[in-house]
Amino acid sequence: MTLQQANIPPRRTQKKRRIWPWILLFFCFAAAAIGGALFASSSLLDKPIEHAIDDGLLTAKDKSTIMIMGVDERDDDVGRSDTLMVASIDPKKNQASLLSVPRDTRVKIKGHGFDKINAAYAYGKERLTQDTVENLLGVTVDHYIIINTKSFAKIIDALGGIDIDVPKRMYYEDPWDDDGGLIIDFRPGMQHMDGAKAITYVRYRDEEGDLGRIRRQQDFIKACLDKMVSPSIIPKLPTIIREVMDSIQTDLSFRQLLEFAGTLKESKQNGLKTDMVPGRPLYIDGISYWIPDLTQLRSTVADTLDITMSAKVRHRLEQDAREYENSIPANASEVPASDTSIGRSSESSKKHKTADSTAKKRSEQREDSTDEKKRSKSSASDSRSDRDTADSDTNSSRESTPAAPDRSVPSRSAAPSKTQ
């Protein structure tokens, strides 16, 4: 080593400043803040742009409306909506309500006139069905979920099956069913159902008609919610939702579907509200329909969504109700008790029984009145006959015992006898 090199002081090693961990930490905080802000404001409350137009429909700002369709699709047929429900979701309060629409509900379908609501899917798939439901309920529908029979079975199997209390004996056999024959066989009591059995249970229809089936479907949904809140299922929900998304057709994102399932799960603790479109059964041209009470229906929807009807909304309701009533033909008639295809709500059944009782009473009154008239006529006839006999006996007696002649009044013996 030279002297010059020895006089050079050693280079001080500068400590490198590692800035990248701070940058990474900053981005982590930013991402957490953005993610927290996103999840703090529910994505279910994001309304589609096309619904921003005020067209006289009710629109809830703090709730989301989701149309749920169970579609029966066949190989040679486009299919029809076999089950139709509208869920109202409040993600902030973790509350939900479910409104069932009978598939035989008579509605006005754009471009096709009045028909059963389950025909809307055959005419124009989910878009026309959603438009028809909006015009029926008078409310904007934000999203839709379509579940066919095969998807339904996958969802139930993903949940590990459902336990439900079967209310009564259920048996039905259809050897001509498209899937190689159908047998529905359930005994009353608690039953564990996999996807295949669950399909037959929710589709079973007996003397209670479609309305009885709707009540069973609502009970089945509550049983599904009971399964969703079980400790074994909660950790699996994200995986189950992914499987569900692959099995259904929807415009909901993964996050929205997860939020929808979570709100339904929490609403079970708060009390899931279930209802059905109010109305009455009616025969039109030999076909049975469910005739909705539009005034009561839309008032119920407004109460559920916590919305006060504006003057514009009330005006549209009056117009729609008037148009609907005018569309019912004059030859429409009450559905006979022997037709159980639709069924009867408790209120309509009560009215029907009251009407039958009233008609029976009127018939009995008419029969009593007729019998009374017959008895009166018979009594009058017998009275006349008795009077005739008495007059005849009197005349005979007077003829056998002549009276003293009266010069001012002709003798009664000279008058002819009534019996003669």
Protein backbone atom coordinates (compact mmCIF):
# COMPACT_ATOMS: atom_id res chain seq x y z
CA MET A 1 0.00 0.00 0.00
CA THR A 2 1.48 3.40 -1.00
CA LEU A 3 1.69 6.38 1.30
CA GLN A 4 -0.82 8.25 -0.82
CA GLN A 5 -3.32 5.48 -0.47
CA ALA A 6 -2.71 5.37 3.27
CA ASN A 7 -3.51 9.04 3.68
CA ILE A 8 -6.91 8.67 1.99
CA PRO A 9 -9.61 8.36 4.66
CA PRO A 10 -11.89 5.33 4.30
CA ARG A 11 -15.21 5.95 2.48
CA ARG A 12 -18.08 6.28 4.89
CA THR A 13 -20.76 3.73 4.02
CA GLN A 14 -24.03 5.60 3.75
CA LYS A 15 -27.11 3.87 5.08
CA LYS A 16 -29.53 3.24 2.28
CA ARG A 17 -32.97 4.69 2.78
CA ARG A 18 -35.54 2.08 2.12
CA ILE A 19 -38.52 4.08 0.91
CA TRP A 20 -40.54 1.26 -0.70
CA PRO A 21 -41.94 -0.17 2.58
CA TRP A 22 -43.47 3.20 3.36
CA ILE A 23 -44.94 3.44 -0.13
CA LEU A 24 -46.41 -0.04 0.24
CA LEU A 25 -47.83 0.82 3.63
CA PHE A 26 -49.38 3.98 2.20
CA PHE A 27 -51.11 2.02 -0.57
CA CYS A 28 -52.35 -0.52 1.95
CA PHE A 29 -53.94 2.22 4.03
CA ALA A 30 -55.43 3.79 0.88
CA ALA A 31 -56.84 0.48 -0.29
CA ALA A 32 -58.30 -0.20 3.14
CA ALA A 33 -59.87 3.24 3.24
CA ILE A 34 -61.35 2.84 -0.25
CA GLY A 35 -62.57 -0.69 0.53
CA GLY A 36 -64.14 0.49 3.78
CA ALA A 37 -65.88 3.33 1.99
CA LEU A 38 -67.20 0.95 -0.66
CA PHE A 39 -68.57 -1.56 1.81
CA ALA A 40 -69.91 1.17 4.07
CA SER A 41 -72.19 2.26 1.21
CA SER A 42 -74.15 -0.76 0.05
CA SER A 43 -73.69 -1.72 -3.57
CA LEU A 44 -77.24 -3.06 -3.63
CA LEU A 45 -78.44 0.53 -3.42
CA ASP A 46 -76.77 1.42 -6.72
CA LYS A 47 -79.71 2.10 -9.01
CA PRO A 48 -79.56 1.42 -12.77
CA ILE A 49 -79.41 4.58 -14.89
CA GLU A 50 -82.56 3.74 -16.87
CA HIS A 51 -84.62 3.87 -13.65
CA ALA A 52 -83.72 7.50 -13.03
CA ILE A 53 -86.67 8.62 -15.18
CA ASP A 54 -89.78 9.54 -13.20
CA ASP A 55 -92.54 7.55 -14.91
CA GLY A 56 -95.00 7.34 -12.03
CA LEU A 57 -93.39 4.28 -10.43
CA LEU A 58 -92.38 4.03 -6.79
CA THR A 59 -88.60 4.11 -6.30
CA ALA A 60 -86.98 3.35 -2.95
CA LYS A 61 -83.67 5.11 -2.35
CA ASP A 62 -82.61 3.15 0.74
CA LYS A 63 -83.87 -0.27 -0.40
CA SER A 64 -83.29 -2.58 -3.32
CA THR A 65 -85.94 -4.59 -5.16
CA ILE A 66 -84.92 -7.92 -6.70
CA MET A 67 -87.13 -10.08 -8.91
CA ILE A 68 -86.60 -13.82 -8.39
CA MET A 69 -87.88 -16.23 -11.03
CA GLY A 70 -88.01 -19.99 -10.94
CA VAL A 71 -88.15 -20.98 -14.61
CA ASP A 72 -89.34 -24.31 -15.94
CA GLU A 73 -87.34 -24.69 -19.15
CA ARG A 74 -87.87 -27.65 -21.47
CA ASP A 75 -85.84 -28.87 -24.44
CA ASP A 76 -88.59 -28.07 -26.91
CA ASP A 77 -89.98 -24.98 -25.15
CA VAL A 78 -88.62 -21.57 -24.21
CA GLY A 79 -90.09 -22.06 -20.74
CA ARG A 80 -92.30 -20.08 -18.39
CA SER A 81 -91.78 -18.55 -14.97
CA ASP A 82 -93.11 -21.26 -12.69
CA THR A 83 -92.34 -19.23 -9.54
CA LEU A 84 -92.18 -15.44 -9.26
CA MET A 85 -91.21 -13.39 -6.20
CA VAL A 86 -90.06 -9.84 -5.53
CA ALA A 87 -87.67 -9.31 -2.63
CA SER A 88 -87.34 -5.91 -0.94
CA ILE A 89 -83.92 -5.62 0.72
CA ASP A 90 -82.83 -3.03 3.29
CA PRO A 91 -79.07 -3.68 3.69
CA LYS A 92 -78.61 -0.92 6.27
CA LYS A 93 -81.26 -2.25 8.66
CA ASN A 94 -80.75 -5.90 7.66
CA GLN A 95 -84.44 -6.29 6.90
CA ALA A 96 -86.15 -8.03 4.00
CA SER A 97 -89.63 -8.81 2.72
CA LEU A 98 -90.78 -11.26 0.10
CA LEU A 99 -93.85 -10.76 -2.11
CA SER A 100 -95.08 -13.80 -4.07
CA VAL A 101 -96.93 -13.31 -7.37
CA PRO A 102 -99.25 -16.21 -8.36
CA ARG A 103 -98.30 -17.45 -11.81
CA ASP A 104 -101.96 -17.25 -12.94
CA THR A 105 -102.15 -13.52 -12.14
CA ARG A 106 -103.89 -11.71 -14.98
CA VAL A 107 -101.72 -8.79 -16.14
CA LYS A 108 -101.19 -6.57 -19.13
CA ILE A 109 -98.10 -7.67 -21.07
CA LYS A 110 -96.67 -5.04 -23.39
CA GLY A 111 -97.38 -6.00 -27.01
CA HIS A 112 -99.49 -9.03 -26.05
CA GLY A 113 -102.52 -7.69 -24.20
CA PHE A 114 -103.87 -9.30 -21.04
CA ASP A 115 -102.53 -12.72 -20.18
CA LYS A 116 -101.18 -14.78 -17.27
CA ILE A 117 -97.98 -13.32 -15.87
CA ASN A 118 -96.02 -16.54 -16.34
CA ALA A 119 -96.43 -16.09 -20.12
CA ALA A 120 -94.30 -12.91 -20.06
CA TYR A 121 -91.09 -14.96 -19.86
CA ALA A 122 -92.10 -16.97 -22.91
CA TYR A 123 -92.80 -13.76 -24.85
CA GLY A 124 -89.71 -11.77 -23.88
CA LYS A 125 -87.57 -13.48 -21.25
CA GLU A 126 -86.50 -11.59 -18.12
CA ARG A 127 -86.69 -8.10 -19.67
CA LEU A 128 -90.39 -8.32 -20.50
CA THR A 129 -91.13 -10.13 -17.22
CA GLN A 130 -89.40 -7.36 -15.26
CA ASP A 131 -91.32 -4.69 -17.18
CA THR A 132 -94.60 -6.54 -16.53
CA VAL A 133 -93.88 -6.90 -12.80
CA GLU A 134 -93.03 -3.19 -12.54
CA ASN A 135 -96.33 -2.21 -14.16
CA LEU A 136 -98.23 -4.60 -11.88
CA LEU A 137 -96.64 -3.49 -8.60
CA GLY A 138 -96.11 0.14 -9.60
CA VAL A 139 -92.49 -0.01 -8.42
CA THR A 140 -89.10 -0.09 -10.12
CA VAL A 141 -87.30 -3.44 -10.03
CA ASP A 142 -83.54 -2.99 -9.66
CA HIS A 143 -82.21 -6.49 -10.31
CA TYR A 144 -83.25 -10.00 -11.28
CA ILE A 145 -82.26 -13.59 -10.48
CA ILE A 146 -83.30 -16.51 -12.70
CA ILE A 147 -83.13 -20.03 -11.29
CA ASN A 148 -84.04 -23.08 -13.33
CA THR A 149 -84.84 -26.45 -11.83
CA LYS A 150 -81.31 -27.86 -12.25
CA SER A 151 -79.75 -24.74 -10.70
CA PHE A 152 -82.13 -24.96 -7.77
CA ALA A 153 -81.02 -28.52 -7.04
CA LYS A 154 -77.35 -27.45 -7.10
CA ILE A 155 -78.00 -24.60 -4.66
CA ILE A 156 -79.77 -26.87 -2.16
CA ASP A 157 -77.03 -29.47 -2.45
CA ALA A 158 -74.40 -26.76 -1.92
CA LEU A 159 -76.13 -25.88 1.35
CA GLY A 160 -76.00 -29.51 2.38
CA GLY A 161 -79.73 -30.08 2.04
CA ILE A 162 -82.65 -28.52 3.90
CA ASP A 163 -84.61 -29.72 6.93
CA ILE A 164 -88.30 -28.81 6.74
CA ASP A 165 -91.46 -29.88 8.54
CA VAL A 166 -93.84 -31.37 5.95
CA PRO A 167 -97.38 -30.33 6.98
CA LYS A 168 -99.29 -33.27 5.51
CA ARG A 169 -99.16 -36.36 3.31
CA MET A 170 -98.05 -35.46 -0.20
CA TYR A 171 -98.23 -37.94 -3.07
CA TYR A 172 -98.31 -37.35 -6.80
CA GLU A 173 -97.27 -39.50 -9.74
CA ASP A 174 -96.79 -38.43 -13.36
CA PRO A 175 -95.27 -41.15 -15.58
CA TRP A 176 -95.32 -38.79 -18.58
CA ASP A 177 -93.05 -36.15 -17.05
CA ASP A 178 -90.21 -34.97 -19.33
CA ASP A 179 -87.50 -36.16 -16.92
CA GLY A 180 -88.54 -39.78 -17.24
CA GLY A 181 -91.42 -39.75 -14.80
CA LEU A 182 -92.19 -37.86 -11.62
CA ILE A 183 -93.06 -39.22 -8.19
CA ILE A 184 -93.66 -36.91 -5.23
CA ASP A 185 -93.91 -38.87 -2.00
CA PHE A 186 -93.62 -37.14 1.40
CA ARG A 187 -95.04 -38.09 4.74
CA PRO A 188 -95.90 -35.51 7.42
CA GLY A 189 -93.15 -34.56 9.84
CA MET A 190 -89.57 -33.30 9.74
CA GLN A 191 -87.81 -34.29 6.52
CA HIS A 192 -84.26 -33.77 5.21
CA MET A 193 -84.35 -32.92 1.51
CA ASP A 194 -81.56 -32.84 -1.01
CA GLY A 195 -81.83 -30.83 -4.22
CA ALA A 196 -83.83 -33.42 -6.15
CA LYS A 197 -86.41 -33.87 -3.38
CA ALA A 198 -86.62 -30.13 -2.71
CA ILE A 199 -87.66 -29.46 -6.32
CA THR A 200 -90.61 -31.83 -6.07
CA TYR A 201 -91.63 -30.34 -2.72
CA VAL A 202 -91.78 -26.70 -3.87
CA ARG A 203 -93.58 -27.66 -7.10
CA TYR A 204 -96.22 -29.87 -5.45
CA ARG A 205 -99.76 -28.60 -5.97
CA ASP A 206 -102.87 -30.13 -4.44
CA GLU A 207 -106.44 -29.05 -3.68
CA GLU A 208 -105.06 -25.80 -2.26
CA GLY A 209 -103.94 -24.86 -5.77
CA ASP A 210 -101.18 -22.43 -6.63
CA LEU A 211 -101.80 -20.35 -3.49
CA GLY A 212 -101.13 -23.36 -1.27
CA ARG A 213 -97.93 -24.02 -3.16
CA ILE A 214 -96.85 -20.40 -2.66
CA ARG A 215 -97.28 -20.75 1.10
CA ARG A 216 -95.11 -23.88 1.08
CA GLN A 217 -92.46 -22.11 -1.02
CA GLN A 218 -92.32 -19.27 1.48
CA ASP A 219 -91.93 -21.76 4.33
CA PHE A 220 -89.15 -23.46 2.37
CA ILE A 221 -87.28 -20.16 1.95
CA LYS A 222 -87.46 -19.62 5.71
CA ALA A 223 -86.03 -23.11 6.20
CA CYS A 224 -83.17 -22.16 3.83
CA LEU A 225 -82.49 -19.07 5.92
CA ASP A 226 -82.40 -21.23 9.04
CA LYS A 227 -79.69 -23.29 7.34
CA MET A 228 -77.77 -20.18 6.30
CA VAL A 229 -77.50 -18.94 9.89
CA SER A 230 -76.21 -22.26 11.16
CA PRO A 231 -72.57 -22.10 12.40
CA SER A 232 -71.42 -24.75 9.91
CA ILE A 233 -72.62 -22.79 6.87
CA ILE A 234 -71.50 -19.23 7.68
CA PRO A 235 -67.79 -19.81 6.87
CA LYS A 236 -68.79 -21.52 3.60
CA LEU A 237 -71.06 -18.73 2.32
CA PRO A 238 -68.50 -17.14 -0.05
CA THR A 239 -67.78 -20.53 -1.63
CA ILE A 240 -71.49 -21.31 -1.84
CA ILE A 241 -72.17 -17.94 -3.47
CA ARG A 242 -69.53 -18.66 -6.12
CA GLU A 243 -71.21 -21.96 -6.89
CA VAL A 244 -74.57 -20.22 -7.00
CA MET A 245 -73.30 -17.61 -9.46
CA ASP A 246 -72.22 -20.38 -11.83
CA SER A 247 -75.68 -21.94 -11.63
CA ILE A 248 -78.00 -18.94 -12.04
CA GLN A 249 -78.57 -16.03 -14.39
CA THR A 250 -78.46 -12.60 -12.77
CA ASP A 251 -77.35 -9.01 -13.24
CA LEU A 252 -76.02 -8.91 -9.66
CA SER A 253 -72.27 -8.83 -9.15
CA PHE A 254 -70.52 -11.28 -6.82
CA ARG A 255 -70.33 -8.62 -4.14
CA GLN A 256 -74.01 -7.71 -4.54
CA LEU A 257 -75.07 -11.36 -4.43
CA LEU A 258 -72.97 -11.90 -1.30
CA GLU A 259 -74.56 -8.82 0.27
CA PHE A 260 -78.03 -10.03 -0.75
CA ALA A 261 -77.44 -13.41 0.91
CA GLY A 262 -76.02 -11.74 4.00
CA THR A 263 -79.01 -9.41 4.34
CA LEU A 264 -81.42 -12.33 3.96
CA LYS A 265 -79.48 -14.21 6.62
CA GLU A 266 -79.63 -11.28 9.05
CA SER A 267 -83.29 -10.59 8.24
CA LYS A 268 -84.12 -14.04 9.61
CA GLN A 269 -83.24 -12.71 13.05
CA ASN A 270 -85.27 -9.53 12.46
CA GLY A 271 -88.23 -11.38 11.01
CA LEU A 272 -88.54 -12.03 7.28
CA LYS A 273 -91.86 -10.62 6.07
CA THR A 274 -93.75 -12.71 3.50
CA ASP A 275 -96.86 -11.72 1.59
CA MET A 276 -98.78 -12.48 -1.58
CA VAL A 277 -100.51 -10.37 -4.22
CA PRO A 278 -104.04 -9.79 -2.89
CA GLY A 279 -106.92 -10.63 -5.19
CA ARG A 280 -109.57 -13.17 -6.11
CA PRO A 281 -109.99 -16.06 -8.60
CA LEU A 282 -112.15 -15.49 -11.67
CA TYR A 283 -113.20 -17.38 -14.81
CA ILE A 284 -112.72 -15.58 -18.14
CA ASP A 285 -113.60 -17.47 -21.33
CA GLY A 286 -113.30 -20.78 -19.50
CA ILE A 287 -109.80 -20.01 -18.12
CA SER A 288 -109.09 -19.42 -14.43
CA TYR A 289 -107.14 -16.28 -13.48
CA TRP A 290 -106.00 -14.58 -10.29
CA ILE A 291 -107.41 -11.03 -10.39
CA PRO A 292 -105.18 -8.67 -8.37
CA ASP A 293 -106.53 -5.87 -6.20
CA LEU A 294 -104.29 -3.10 -7.58
CA THR A 295 -105.24 -0.49 -4.99
CA GLN A 296 -104.52 -2.75 -2.02
CA LEU A 297 -101.42 -4.22 -3.71
CA ARG A 298 -99.69 -0.92 -4.42
CA SER A 299 -100.59 0.50 -1.03
CA THR A 300 -98.96 -2.55 0.56
CA VAL A 301 -95.85 -2.12 -1.61
CA ALA A 302 -95.61 1.57 -0.68
CA ASP A 303 -95.85 0.71 3.03
CA THR A 304 -93.19 -1.99 2.68
CA LEU A 305 -90.81 0.43 0.98
CA ASP A 306 -91.68 3.26 3.42
CA ILE A 307 -92.70 5.53 0.55
CA THR A 308 -95.48 8.10 0.53
CA MET A 309 -97.37 8.06 -2.76
CA SER A 310 -97.04 11.29 -4.71
CA ALA A 311 -99.93 12.81 -6.63
CA LYS A 312 -98.44 11.47 -9.86
CA VAL A 313 -98.20 7.94 -8.48
CA ARG A 314 -101.79 8.05 -7.17
CA HIS A 315 -103.03 9.33 -10.52
CA ARG A 316 -101.33 6.46 -12.31
CA LEU A 317 -102.79 3.99 -9.80
CA GLU A 318 -106.31 5.29 -10.45
CA GLN A 319 -105.79 5.08 -14.22
CA ASP A 320 -104.36 1.55 -14.07
CA ALA A 321 -107.11 0.31 -11.74
CA ARG A 322 -109.82 1.78 -13.97
CA GLU A 323 -108.26 0.31 -17.12
CA TYR A 324 -107.90 -3.08 -15.49
CA GLU A 325 -111.50 -3.26 -14.29
CA ASN A 326 -112.77 -2.18 -17.71
CA SER A 327 -110.71 -4.94 -19.33
CA ILE A 328 -112.58 -7.71 -17.49
CA PRO A 329 -115.28 -9.08 -19.84
CA ALA A 330 -118.91 -8.93 -18.80
CA ASN A 331 -119.23 -12.72 -19.10
CA ALA A 332 -116.55 -13.32 -16.43
CA SER A 333 -117.80 -15.58 -13.64
CA GLU A 334 -116.78 -16.81 -10.22
CA VAL A 335 -114.53 -19.86 -10.13
CA PRO A 336 -116.52 -22.87 -8.89
CA ALA A 337 -115.37 -24.58 -5.73
CA SER A 338 -114.54 -27.70 -7.77
CA ASP A 339 -111.72 -25.85 -9.60
CA THR A 340 -108.66 -25.97 -7.33
CA SER A 341 -106.05 -24.98 -9.92
CA ILE A 342 -105.49 -21.54 -8.37
CA GLY A 343 -106.79 -21.99 -4.86
CA ARG A 344 -108.15 -19.30 -2.58
CA SER A 345 -106.59 -16.95 -0.12
CA SER A 346 -108.01 -16.98 3.40
CA GLU A 347 -109.86 -13.73 2.67
CA SER A 348 -111.24 -14.84 -0.68
CA SER A 349 -112.19 -18.21 0.79
CA LYS A 350 -114.07 -16.42 3.55
CA LYS A 351 -115.83 -14.24 0.98
CA HIS A 352 -116.58 -17.28 -1.14
CA LYS A 353 -117.99 -19.17 1.85
CA THR A 354 -119.99 -16.09 2.85
CA ALA A 355 -121.33 -15.79 -0.68
CA ASP A 356 -122.22 -19.48 -0.74
CA SER A 357 -123.88 -19.17 2.67
CA THR A 358 -125.79 -16.09 1.56
CA ALA A 359 -126.89 -17.79 -1.65
CA LYS A 360 -127.93 -20.87 0.32
CA LYS A 361 -129.93 -18.76 2.74
CA ARG A 362 -131.60 -16.92 -0.13
CA SER A 363 -132.40 -20.23 -1.79
CA GLU A 364 -133.83 -21.58 1.46
CA GLN A 365 -135.82 -18.38 1.91
CA ARG A 366 -137.15 -18.72 -1.64
CA GLU A 367 -138.07 -22.36 -0.98
CA ASP A 368 -139.74 -21.43 2.32
CA SER A 369 -141.59 -18.63 0.58
CA THR A 370 -142.71 -21.00 -2.17
CA ASP A 371 -143.82 -23.60 0.38
CA GLU A 372 -145.66 -20.90 2.34
CA LYS A 373 -147.45 -19.78 -0.81
CA LYS A 374 -148.33 -23.38 -1.60
CA ARG A 375 -149.62 -23.88 1.93
CA SER A 376 -151.58 -20.62 1.70
CA LYS A 377 -153.10 -21.64 -1.62
CA SER A 378 -153.91 -25.07 -0.22
CA SER A 379 -155.48 -23.54 2.87
CA ALA A 380 -157.48 -21.10 0.75
CA SER A 381 -158.63 -23.94 -1.50
CA ASP A 382 -159.62 -26.04 1.48
CA SER A 383 -161.42 -23.06 3.00
CA ARG A 384 -163.36 -22.44 -0.21
CA SER A 385 -164.20 -26.11 -0.42
CA ASP A 386 -165.45 -26.08 3.16
CA ARG A 387 -167.53 -23.00 2.50
CA ASP A 388 -168.99 -24.56 -0.63
CA THR A 389 -169.87 -27.72 1.29
CA ALA A 390 -171.41 -25.70 4.09
CA ASP A 391 -173.49 -23.64 1.63
CA SER A 392 -174.58 -26.80 -0.09
CA ASP A 393 -175.65 -28.37 3.19
CA THR A 394 -177.49 -25.21 4.16
CA ASN A 395 -179.32 -25.07 0.83
CA SER A 396 -180.26 -28.70 1.09
CA SER A 397 -181.60 -28.12 4.58
CA ARG A 398 -183.59 -25.12 3.45
CA GLU A 399 -185.01 -26.99 0.48
CA SER A 400 -186.25 -29.81 2.74
CA THR A 401 -187.82 -27.33 5.22
CA PRO A 402 -189.57 -24.55 3.28
CA ALA A 403 -189.54 -21.11 4.87
CA ALA A 404 -192.44 -18.70 4.97
CA PRO A 405 -192.65 -16.73 1.74
CA ASP A 406 -191.18 -13.25 1.73
CA ARG A 407 -192.82 -10.95 -0.74
CA SER A 408 -190.00 -8.37 -0.80
CA VAL A 409 -187.03 -10.80 -1.13
CA PRO A 410 -187.08 -13.83 -3.43
CA SER A 411 -187.08 -17.14 -1.66
CA ARG A 412 -183.47 -18.62 -1.30
CA SER A 413 -184.94 -22.02 -2.14
CA ALA A 414 -185.68 -20.69 -5.58
CA ALA A 415 -182.03 -19.75 -6.13
CA PRO A 416 -179.85 -22.45 -7.72
CA SER A 417 -177.42 -24.27 -5.40
CA LYS A 418 -173.64 -23.60 -5.76
CA THR A 419 -172.93 -27.30 -5.89
CA GLN A 420 -175.40 -27.60 -8.76
